[in-house]
Protein backbone atom coordinates (compact mmCIF):
# COMPACT_ATOMS: atom_id res chain seq x y z
CA UNK A 1 -0.06 0.07 -0.09
CA UNK A 2 1.08 3.50 -0.74
CA UNK A 3 1.37 5.95 2.13
CA UNK A 4 0.50 9.65 1.79
CA UNK A 5 0.26 12.63 4.15
CA UNK A 6 -2.34 15.32 3.71
CA UNK A 7 -1.25 19.00 4.04
CA UNK A 8 -3.02 19.17 7.26
CA UNK A 9 -1.20 16.18 8.71
CA UNK A 10 2.19 17.75 7.79
CA UNK A 11 1.16 21.07 9.21
CA UNK A 12 0.18 19.40 12.52
CA UNK A 13 3.32 17.32 12.77
CA UNK A 14 5.48 20.50 12.18
CA UNK A 15 3.30 22.48 14.65
CA UNK A 16 3.69 20.00 17.44
CA UNK A 17 7.40 19.45 16.73
CA UNK A 18 7.96 23.21 16.83
CA UNK A 19 6.17 23.49 20.19
CA UNK A 20 8.26 20.79 21.70
CA UNK A 21 11.43 22.22 20.28
CA UNK A 22 10.88 25.40 22.16
CA UNK A 23 12.08 23.74 25.35
CA UNK A 24 13.78 20.49 24.01
CA UNK A 25 15.01 20.51 20.35
CA UNK A 26 16.26 16.92 20.53
CA UNK A 27 13.01 15.72 22.00
CA UNK A 28 11.20 17.31 19.18
CA UNK A 29 13.32 15.47 16.54
CA UNK A 30 12.95 12.19 18.46
CA UNK A 31 9.18 12.72 18.69
CA UNK A 32 8.93 13.41 14.94
CA UNK A 33 10.84 10.21 14.13
CA UNK A 34 8.59 8.15 16.52
CA UNK A 35 5.50 9.42 14.78
CA UNK A 36 6.88 8.54 11.38
CA UNK A 37 7.93 5.14 12.52
CA UNK A 38 4.36 4.53 13.85
CA UNK A 39 2.94 5.69 10.49
CA UNK A 40 5.31 3.42 8.52
CA UNK A 41 3.83 0.37 10.43
CA UNK A 42 0.49 1.04 8.88
CA UNK A 43 1.78 -0.18 5.52
CA UNK A 44 2.06 -3.66 6.99
CA UNK A 45 -0.84 -3.45 9.52
CA UNK A 46 -3.36 -0.95 8.09
CA UNK A 47 -6.24 -2.18 10.41
CA UNK A 48 -4.37 -1.98 13.57
CA UNK A 49 -6.06 1.25 14.56
CA UNK A 50 -9.56 1.74 15.97
CA UNK A 51 -12.46 3.78 14.58
CA UNK A 52 -12.33 7.41 15.39
CA UNK A 53 -15.08 7.95 17.92
CA UNK A 54 -16.23 11.44 16.60
CA UNK A 55 -16.60 10.17 13.07
CA UNK A 56 -17.71 6.50 13.24
CA UNK A 57 -16.61 5.46 9.82
CA UNK A 58 -14.90 2.20 9.25
CA UNK A 59 -12.39 3.66 6.72
CA UNK A 60 -11.16 6.30 9.13
CA UNK A 61 -9.05 4.91 12.02
CA UNK A 62 -6.54 6.13 14.51
CA UNK A 63 -3.57 4.95 16.30
CA UNK A 64 -1.98 6.41 19.36
CA UNK A 65 1.64 7.39 19.88
CA UNK A 66 2.22 8.71 23.41
CA UNK A 67 -0.28 11.45 23.89
CA UNK A 68 -1.08 11.93 20.21
CA UNK A 69 -3.69 10.52 17.82
CA UNK A 70 -2.67 9.75 14.29
CA UNK A 71 -5.82 9.75 12.24
CA UNK A 72 -5.74 8.01 8.96
CA UNK A 73 -8.08 6.82 6.01
CA UNK A 74 -7.75 3.37 4.35
CA UNK A 75 -8.46 3.40 0.68
CA UNK A 76 -8.17 0.56 -1.90
CA UNK A 77 -4.49 1.09 -2.66
CA UNK A 78 -3.41 3.88 -0.19
CA UNK A 79 -3.30 4.96 3.40
CA UNK A 80 -3.72 8.76 3.92
CA UNK A 81 -2.48 10.28 7.02
CA UNK A 82 -5.33 12.85 7.68
CA UNK A 83 -4.09 14.62 10.75
CA UNK A 84 -2.36 14.44 14.18
CA UNK A 85 -3.98 15.57 17.37
CA UNK A 86 -3.20 15.66 21.00
CA UNK A 87 -5.34 12.83 22.56
CA UNK A 88 -7.37 15.39 24.60
CA UNK A 89 -8.17 17.33 21.50
CA UNK A 90 -11.43 16.48 19.60
CA UNK A 91 -11.70 16.82 15.92
CA UNK A 92 -13.48 19.99 14.67
CA UNK A 93 -16.31 20.12 12.15
CA UNK A 94 -13.85 21.46 9.44
CA UNK A 95 -11.78 18.30 9.78
CA UNK A 96 -14.83 15.93 9.71
CA UNK A 97 -16.30 17.68 6.59
CA UNK A 98 -13.10 17.26 4.67
CA UNK A 99 -12.98 13.49 5.04
């Protein structure tokens, strides 16, 4: 399966990494690498995640890495990383309407 990132997912990855880097630049780099490693696992195990509670669609799942949710969509030949959110942060209506 092909793995792609949406613009929103890339923006969120950079936003969180920049915030972490304010205090701990090396921790930000390690966090980013950990997120990317988790995402790569989806190529082999795309159904490892659970349905996103706010959306309730079987094609949109999430996995957790630490305190972060990695939300993705499974398509016939592709996995799209849709966004990354802190686990305490619910998705907003704009996000839901774009999927």
